[in-house]
């Protein structure tokens, strides 16, 4: 009778032990999914930063044709609108400030404050602002 009792207890305990093992596997799988989700979010943030930087670098690379003042102003007005949108969607505060600096400079052209005589000085200052954007984006890529 004792052997039967032991076999019965072992038979009844087997599903319980199997269930406990399965719970451990489920917890491990859940942890693995959480880790994968965190990595995916990190990759998405990196991709978002890279895309924001690419757009910022392209926008900061603006130099109008000062030989045509009306076209220079029109191009600058369009670029100011683009920079405003970029600035509002940029999460990094340093990059945001860099874009605001570029926007302020381009706004001078849009307002007609920069003519062909002052264009060399403006272009040199704009190059410095462009360099600040690329430096910030290089730091963000690390």
N, C-alpha and C. Protein backbone atom coordinates (compact mmCIF):
# COMPACT_ATOMS: atom_id res chain seq x y z
N UNK A 1 0.81 -1.18 0.00
CA UNK A 1 0.00 0.00 0.00
C UNK A 1 0.87 1.27 0.00
N UNK A 2 1.98 1.19 0.72
CA UNK A 2 2.84 2.36 0.77
C UNK A 2 3.39 2.71 -0.60
N UNK A 3 3.73 1.72 -1.37
CA UNK A 3 4.27 1.96 -2.70
C UNK A 3 3.21 2.63 -3.57
N UNK A 4 1.97 2.17 -3.43
CA UNK A 4 0.89 2.79 -4.20
C UNK A 4 0.69 4.24 -3.79
N UNK A 5 0.79 4.53 -2.52
CA UNK A 5 0.62 5.89 -2.03
C UNK A 5 1.73 6.79 -2.59
N UNK A 6 2.93 6.27 -2.58
CA UNK A 6 4.05 7.06 -3.10
C UNK A 6 3.88 7.33 -4.60
N UNK A 7 3.45 6.31 -5.33
CA UNK A 7 3.25 6.47 -6.76
C UNK A 7 2.12 7.48 -7.01
N UNK A 8 1.07 7.40 -6.21
CA UNK A 8 -0.05 8.33 -6.37
C UNK A 8 0.39 9.76 -6.06
N UNK A 9 1.16 9.93 -4.99
CA UNK A 9 1.64 11.26 -4.63
C UNK A 9 2.57 11.79 -5.73
N UNK A 10 3.46 10.93 -6.22
CA UNK A 10 4.38 11.34 -7.28
C UNK A 10 3.60 11.69 -8.55
N UNK A 11 2.58 10.92 -8.85
CA UNK A 11 1.78 11.17 -10.04
C UNK A 11 1.03 12.49 -9.91
N UNK A 12 0.51 12.77 -8.74
CA UNK A 12 -0.21 14.02 -8.53
C UNK A 12 0.73 15.22 -8.46
N UNK A 13 1.95 15.01 -7.98
CA UNK A 13 2.91 16.11 -7.84
C UNK A 13 3.56 16.48 -9.16
N UNK A 14 3.62 15.54 -10.10
CA UNK A 14 4.28 15.79 -11.37
C UNK A 14 3.68 16.98 -12.13
N UNK A 15 2.35 17.09 -12.28
CA UNK A 15 1.80 18.26 -12.96
C UNK A 15 2.11 19.56 -12.21
N UNK A 16 2.11 19.50 -10.88
CA UNK A 16 2.42 20.69 -10.09
C UNK A 16 3.86 21.14 -10.35
N UNK A 17 4.79 20.19 -10.34
CA UNK A 17 6.19 20.52 -10.59
C UNK A 17 6.38 21.03 -12.03
N UNK A 18 5.70 20.42 -12.96
CA UNK A 18 5.77 20.86 -14.35
C UNK A 18 5.21 22.27 -14.48
N UNK A 19 4.12 22.55 -13.78
CA UNK A 19 3.53 23.89 -13.80
C UNK A 19 4.46 24.93 -13.22
N UNK A 20 5.15 24.58 -12.13
CA UNK A 20 6.11 25.51 -11.53
C UNK A 20 7.27 25.79 -12.48
N UNK A 21 7.73 24.76 -13.17
CA UNK A 21 8.81 24.96 -14.14
C UNK A 21 8.34 25.85 -15.28
N UNK A 22 7.10 25.63 -15.70
CA UNK A 22 6.55 26.46 -16.79
C UNK A 22 6.43 27.91 -16.34
N UNK A 23 6.05 28.14 -15.10
CA UNK A 23 5.96 29.51 -14.58
C UNK A 23 7.32 30.20 -14.64
N UNK A 24 8.36 29.47 -14.28
CA UNK A 24 9.71 30.02 -14.35
C UNK A 24 10.09 30.37 -15.77
N UNK A 25 9.72 29.53 -16.72
CA UNK A 25 10.00 29.80 -18.12
C UNK A 25 9.22 31.02 -18.61
N UNK A 26 7.98 31.14 -18.16
CA UNK A 26 7.14 32.29 -18.55
C UNK A 26 7.75 33.57 -18.01
N UNK A 27 8.18 33.54 -16.75
CA UNK A 27 8.80 34.74 -16.17
C UNK A 27 10.07 35.11 -16.92
N UNK A 28 10.86 34.10 -17.30
CA UNK A 28 12.07 34.36 -18.07
C UNK A 28 11.75 34.95 -19.44
N UNK A 29 10.71 34.42 -20.06
CA UNK A 29 10.30 34.93 -21.37
C UNK A 29 9.80 36.37 -21.25
N UNK A 30 9.04 36.65 -20.17
CA UNK A 30 8.54 38.02 -19.97
C UNK A 30 9.70 38.99 -19.76
N UNK A 31 10.70 38.56 -19.00
CA UNK A 31 11.87 39.42 -18.78
C UNK A 31 12.60 39.65 -20.10
N UNK A 32 12.71 38.60 -20.90
CA UNK A 32 13.35 38.73 -22.21
C UNK A 32 12.60 39.70 -23.10
N UNK A 33 11.27 39.63 -23.06
CA UNK A 33 10.46 40.56 -23.85
C UNK A 33 10.62 42.00 -23.37
N UNK A 34 10.68 42.19 -22.06
CA UNK A 34 10.88 43.54 -21.52
C UNK A 34 12.25 44.09 -21.95
N UNK A 35 13.27 43.26 -21.89
CA UNK A 35 14.61 43.70 -22.32
C UNK A 35 14.61 44.05 -23.80
N UNK A 36 13.97 43.20 -24.60
CA UNK A 36 13.90 43.47 -26.04
C UNK A 36 13.14 44.76 -26.32
N UNK A 37 12.06 45.00 -25.56
CA UNK A 37 11.28 46.23 -25.72
C UNK A 37 12.11 47.46 -25.36
N UNK A 38 12.89 47.38 -24.31
CA UNK A 38 13.75 48.50 -23.92
C UNK A 38 14.80 48.76 -24.99
N UNK A 39 15.37 47.71 -25.55
CA UNK A 39 16.35 47.88 -26.62
C UNK A 39 15.71 48.49 -27.85
N UNK A 40 14.51 48.06 -28.16
CA UNK A 40 13.78 48.61 -29.30
C UNK A 40 13.48 50.09 -29.09
N UNK A 41 13.08 50.46 -27.89
CA UNK A 41 12.81 51.87 -27.60
C UNK A 41 14.09 52.69 -27.70
N UNK A 42 15.20 52.15 -27.22
CA UNK A 42 16.48 52.85 -27.34
C UNK A 42 16.88 53.03 -28.79
N UNK A 43 16.67 51.99 -29.59
CA UNK A 43 16.98 52.09 -31.02
C UNK A 43 16.08 53.11 -31.70
N UNK A 44 14.80 53.15 -31.33
CA UNK A 44 13.87 54.11 -31.92
C UNK A 44 14.28 55.53 -31.55
N UNK A 45 14.71 55.74 -30.30
CA UNK A 45 15.15 57.07 -29.89
C UNK A 45 16.40 57.47 -30.68
N UNK A 46 17.31 56.53 -30.89
CA UNK A 46 18.51 56.82 -31.66
C UNK A 46 18.15 57.16 -33.11
N UNK A 47 17.22 56.42 -33.66
CA UNK A 47 16.77 56.70 -35.02
C UNK A 47 16.10 58.07 -35.10
N UNK A 48 15.26 58.40 -34.11
CA UNK A 48 14.62 59.71 -34.09
C UNK A 48 15.66 60.82 -34.00
N UNK A 49 16.67 60.64 -33.16
CA UNK A 49 17.73 61.64 -33.04
C UNK A 49 18.50 61.78 -34.34
N UNK A 50 18.78 60.66 -34.98
CA UNK A 50 19.52 60.70 -36.25
C UNK A 50 18.71 61.41 -37.32
N UNK A 51 17.41 61.14 -37.37
CA UNK A 51 16.56 61.81 -38.36
C UNK A 51 16.46 63.30 -38.06
N UNK A 52 16.31 63.65 -36.78
CA UNK A 52 16.25 65.06 -36.40
C UNK A 52 17.55 65.76 -36.77
N UNK A 53 18.67 65.10 -36.54
CA UNK A 53 19.96 65.71 -36.87
C UNK A 53 20.12 65.87 -38.37
N UNK A 54 19.72 64.89 -39.13
CA UNK A 54 19.83 65.00 -40.58
C UNK A 54 19.01 66.19 -41.08
N UNK A 55 17.79 66.32 -40.57
CA UNK A 55 16.94 67.45 -40.97
C UNK A 55 17.54 68.77 -40.49
N UNK A 56 18.09 68.78 -39.28
CA UNK A 56 18.69 70.01 -38.73
C UNK A 56 19.91 70.43 -39.53
N UNK A 57 20.75 69.47 -39.90
CA UNK A 57 21.95 69.79 -40.68
C UNK A 57 21.56 70.34 -42.04
N UNK A 58 20.57 69.71 -42.66
CA UNK A 58 20.11 70.21 -43.97
C UNK A 58 19.54 71.62 -43.86
N UNK A 59 18.79 71.89 -42.81
CA UNK A 59 18.19 73.22 -42.64
C UNK A 59 19.26 74.27 -42.31
N UNK A 60 20.24 73.88 -41.50
CA UNK A 60 21.28 74.83 -41.10
C UNK A 60 22.25 75.15 -42.23
N UNK A 61 22.23 74.35 -43.26
CA UNK A 61 23.12 74.52 -44.40
C UNK A 61 22.58 75.56 -45.40
N UNK A 62 21.69 76.39 -44.97
CA UNK A 62 21.02 77.36 -45.84
C UNK A 62 21.91 78.57 -46.12
N UNK A 63 22.14 78.84 -47.39
CA UNK A 63 22.80 80.08 -47.82
C UNK A 63 22.06 80.52 -49.09
N UNK A 64 21.34 81.63 -49.01
CA UNK A 64 20.55 82.07 -50.18
C UNK A 64 21.44 82.73 -51.23
N UNK A 65 20.83 82.94 -52.37
CA UNK A 65 21.49 83.65 -53.46
C UNK A 65 21.25 85.15 -53.24
N UNK A 66 22.24 85.81 -52.67
CA UNK A 66 22.08 87.23 -52.35
C UNK A 66 22.05 88.12 -53.59
N UNK A 67 22.43 87.60 -54.75
CA UNK A 67 22.38 88.38 -55.99
C UNK A 67 20.93 88.67 -56.39
N UNK A 68 19.99 87.86 -55.90
CA UNK A 68 18.56 88.07 -56.16
C UNK A 68 17.87 88.30 -54.81
N UNK A 69 17.83 89.56 -54.35
CA UNK A 69 17.33 89.85 -53.00
C UNK A 69 15.90 89.36 -52.74
N UNK A 70 15.03 89.49 -53.71
CA UNK A 70 13.64 89.04 -53.51
C UNK A 70 13.58 87.53 -53.33
N UNK A 71 14.31 86.81 -54.15
CA UNK A 71 14.32 85.35 -54.03
C UNK A 71 15.00 84.93 -52.73
N UNK A 72 16.05 85.65 -52.35
CA UNK A 72 16.73 85.35 -51.09
C UNK A 72 15.77 85.49 -49.91
N UNK A 73 14.97 86.55 -49.92
CA UNK A 73 13.99 86.75 -48.85
C UNK A 73 12.93 85.65 -48.86
N UNK A 74 12.42 85.31 -50.03
CA UNK A 74 11.39 84.26 -50.13
C UNK A 74 11.95 82.92 -49.66
N UNK A 75 13.16 82.59 -50.09
CA UNK A 75 13.77 81.33 -49.65
C UNK A 75 14.00 81.33 -48.14
N UNK A 76 14.43 82.47 -47.62
CA UNK A 76 14.67 82.58 -46.18
C UNK A 76 13.37 82.45 -45.38
N UNK A 77 12.29 83.02 -45.89
CA UNK A 77 11.00 82.89 -45.19
C UNK A 77 10.57 81.43 -45.12
N UNK A 78 10.75 80.71 -46.21
CA UNK A 78 10.41 79.27 -46.22
C UNK A 78 11.31 78.50 -45.25
N UNK A 79 12.58 78.88 -45.21
CA UNK A 79 13.52 78.20 -44.31
C UNK A 79 13.21 78.50 -42.85
N UNK A 80 12.77 79.71 -42.56
CA UNK A 80 12.38 80.06 -41.19
C UNK A 80 11.22 79.18 -40.73
N UNK A 81 10.24 78.98 -41.60
CA UNK A 81 9.10 78.11 -41.26
C UNK A 81 9.58 76.68 -40.99
N UNK A 82 10.47 76.20 -41.82
CA UNK A 82 11.02 74.85 -41.63
C UNK A 82 11.77 74.76 -40.30
N UNK A 83 12.58 75.77 -40.01
CA UNK A 83 13.34 75.78 -38.76
C UNK A 83 12.43 75.85 -37.54
N UNK A 84 11.35 76.61 -37.63
CA UNK A 84 10.40 76.67 -36.52
C UNK A 84 9.82 75.29 -36.23
N UNK A 85 9.45 74.58 -37.28
CA UNK A 85 8.90 73.23 -37.12
C UNK A 85 9.94 72.29 -36.53
N UNK A 86 11.15 72.35 -37.03
CA UNK A 86 12.22 71.50 -36.51
C UNK A 86 12.49 71.79 -35.04
N UNK A 87 12.55 73.06 -34.70
CA UNK A 87 12.84 73.45 -33.33
C UNK A 87 11.77 72.92 -32.38
N UNK A 88 10.52 73.02 -32.79
CA UNK A 88 9.44 72.57 -31.91
C UNK A 88 9.40 71.06 -31.76
N UNK A 89 9.97 70.32 -32.70
CA UNK A 89 9.93 68.86 -32.62
C UNK A 89 11.25 68.25 -32.13
N UNK A 90 12.20 69.08 -31.77
CA UNK A 90 13.51 68.59 -31.33
C UNK A 90 13.52 68.45 -29.82
N UNK A 91 13.93 67.27 -29.35
CA UNK A 91 13.94 67.00 -27.91
C UNK A 91 15.22 67.49 -27.23
N UNK A 92 16.34 67.40 -27.93
CA UNK A 92 17.61 67.79 -27.32
C UNK A 92 17.69 69.31 -27.19
N UNK A 93 17.93 69.79 -25.98
CA UNK A 93 17.92 71.23 -25.72
C UNK A 93 19.07 71.96 -26.41
N UNK A 94 20.23 71.34 -26.50
CA UNK A 94 21.36 71.99 -27.17
C UNK A 94 21.08 72.14 -28.66
N UNK A 95 20.57 71.06 -29.28
CA UNK A 95 20.23 71.13 -30.69
C UNK A 95 19.12 72.14 -30.92
N UNK A 96 18.17 72.19 -30.02
CA UNK A 96 17.08 73.16 -30.13
C UNK A 96 17.64 74.59 -30.12
N UNK A 97 18.57 74.86 -29.22
CA UNK A 97 19.17 76.21 -29.15
C UNK A 97 19.98 76.50 -30.40
N UNK A 98 20.70 75.51 -30.91
CA UNK A 98 21.44 75.69 -32.17
C UNK A 98 20.50 76.06 -33.30
N UNK A 99 19.36 75.37 -33.37
CA UNK A 99 18.38 75.65 -34.43
C UNK A 99 17.76 77.03 -34.26
N UNK A 100 17.53 77.44 -33.02
CA UNK A 100 17.01 78.79 -32.78
C UNK A 100 18.01 79.85 -33.25
N UNK A 101 19.29 79.60 -33.03
CA UNK A 101 20.33 80.53 -33.49
C UNK A 101 20.33 80.62 -35.02
N UNK A 102 20.22 79.48 -35.68
CA UNK A 102 20.16 79.46 -37.15
C UNK A 102 18.90 80.19 -37.61
N UNK A 103 17.80 79.91 -36.96
CA UNK A 103 16.52 80.54 -37.32
C UNK A 103 16.59 82.06 -37.20
N UNK A 104 17.19 82.53 -36.12
CA UNK A 104 17.32 83.98 -35.92
C UNK A 104 18.16 84.60 -37.03
N UNK A 105 19.21 83.93 -37.42
CA UNK A 105 20.07 84.42 -38.49
C UNK A 105 19.33 84.45 -39.83
N UNK A 106 18.61 83.37 -40.13
CA UNK A 106 17.87 83.30 -41.39
C UNK A 106 16.74 84.32 -41.40
N UNK A 107 16.19 84.60 -40.24
CA UNK A 107 15.12 85.60 -40.13
C UNK A 107 15.62 86.98 -40.57
N UNK A 108 16.88 87.26 -40.32
CA UNK A 108 17.46 88.53 -40.76
C UNK A 108 17.41 88.64 -42.29
N UNK A 109 17.68 87.54 -42.97
CA UNK A 109 17.61 87.55 -44.43
C UNK A 109 16.15 87.69 -44.86
N UNK A 110 15.27 86.95 -44.21
CA UNK A 110 13.84 87.00 -44.56
C UNK A 110 13.27 88.41 -44.38
N UNK A 111 13.79 89.14 -43.41
CA UNK A 111 13.32 90.49 -43.15
C UNK A 111 14.01 91.53 -44.03
N UNK A 112 14.94 91.10 -44.87
CA UNK A 112 15.62 92.03 -45.76
C UNK A 112 16.73 92.81 -45.09
N UNK A 113 17.20 92.35 -43.94
CA UNK A 113 18.24 93.06 -43.20
C UNK A 113 19.65 92.74 -43.71
N UNK A 114 19.77 91.72 -44.55
CA UNK A 114 21.09 91.34 -45.07
C UNK A 114 21.06 91.53 -46.58
N UNK A 115 21.94 92.40 -47.05
CA UNK A 115 22.03 92.62 -48.50
C UNK A 115 23.33 92.00 -49.01
N UNK A 116 23.58 92.18 -50.28
CA UNK A 116 24.75 91.53 -50.89
C UNK A 116 26.06 92.04 -50.29
N UNK A 117 26.10 93.29 -49.85
CA UNK A 117 27.31 93.84 -49.24
C UNK A 117 27.60 93.17 -47.89
N UNK A 118 26.58 92.83 -47.16
CA UNK A 118 26.75 92.21 -45.84
C UNK A 118 26.70 90.68 -45.92
N UNK A 119 26.53 90.15 -47.12
CA UNK A 119 26.33 88.70 -47.26
C UNK A 119 27.55 87.87 -46.85
N UNK A 120 28.75 88.36 -47.09
CA UNK A 120 29.95 87.60 -46.73
C UNK A 120 30.05 87.44 -45.21
N UNK A 121 29.80 88.52 -44.50
CA UNK A 121 29.84 88.46 -43.04
C UNK A 121 28.73 87.54 -42.51
N UNK A 122 27.52 87.68 -43.09
CA UNK A 122 26.40 86.84 -42.66
C UNK A 122 26.70 85.37 -42.95
N UNK A 123 27.26 85.07 -44.12
CA UNK A 123 27.57 83.70 -44.50
C UNK A 123 28.62 83.09 -43.56
N UNK A 124 29.60 83.88 -43.18
CA UNK A 124 30.61 83.41 -42.24
C UNK A 124 29.98 83.07 -40.88
N UNK A 125 29.12 83.95 -40.40
CA UNK A 125 28.43 83.69 -39.13
C UNK A 125 27.50 82.48 -39.25
N UNK A 126 26.88 82.35 -40.41
CA UNK A 126 25.98 81.22 -40.64
C UNK A 126 26.77 79.91 -40.64
N UNK A 127 27.96 79.93 -41.18
CA UNK A 127 28.82 78.75 -41.18
C UNK A 127 29.16 78.32 -39.75
N UNK A 128 29.39 79.29 -38.88
CA UNK A 128 29.64 78.98 -37.46
C UNK A 128 28.42 78.30 -36.83
N UNK A 129 27.24 78.79 -37.16
CA UNK A 129 26.01 78.21 -36.63
C UNK A 129 25.80 76.79 -37.17
N UNK A 130 26.11 76.61 -38.44
CA UNK A 130 26.04 75.28 -39.06
C UNK A 130 27.00 74.33 -38.35
N UNK A 131 28.19 74.81 -38.07
CA UNK A 131 29.19 73.99 -37.37
C UNK A 131 28.69 73.60 -35.98
N UNK A 132 28.01 74.50 -35.31
CA UNK A 132 27.46 74.18 -33.98
C UNK A 132 26.41 73.06 -34.08
N UNK A 133 25.59 73.10 -35.11
CA UNK A 133 24.59 72.05 -35.30
C UNK A 133 25.27 70.72 -35.56
N UNK A 134 26.26 70.69 -36.44
CA UNK A 134 26.93 69.42 -36.76
C UNK A 134 27.70 68.88 -35.55
N UNK A 135 28.29 69.76 -34.76
CA UNK A 135 29.00 69.33 -33.55
C UNK A 135 28.02 68.70 -32.56
N UNK A 136 26.87 69.34 -32.37
CA UNK A 136 25.86 68.81 -31.47
C UNK A 136 25.36 67.45 -31.97
N UNK A 137 25.13 67.34 -33.25
CA UNK A 137 24.65 66.07 -33.81
C UNK A 137 25.72 64.98 -33.68
N UNK A 138 26.98 65.34 -33.81
CA UNK A 138 28.05 64.36 -33.61
C UNK A 138 28.06 63.85 -32.17
N UNK A 139 27.81 64.74 -31.25
CA UNK A 139 27.75 64.36 -29.82
C UNK A 139 26.55 63.45 -29.57
N UNK A 140 25.43 63.74 -30.21
CA UNK A 140 24.22 62.93 -30.02
C UNK A 140 24.38 61.53 -30.61
N UNK A 141 25.22 61.40 -31.62
CA UNK A 141 25.41 60.11 -32.28
C UNK A 141 26.29 59.17 -31.46
N UNK A 142 26.99 59.68 -30.49
CA UNK A 142 27.91 58.83 -29.69
C UNK A 142 27.16 57.90 -28.80
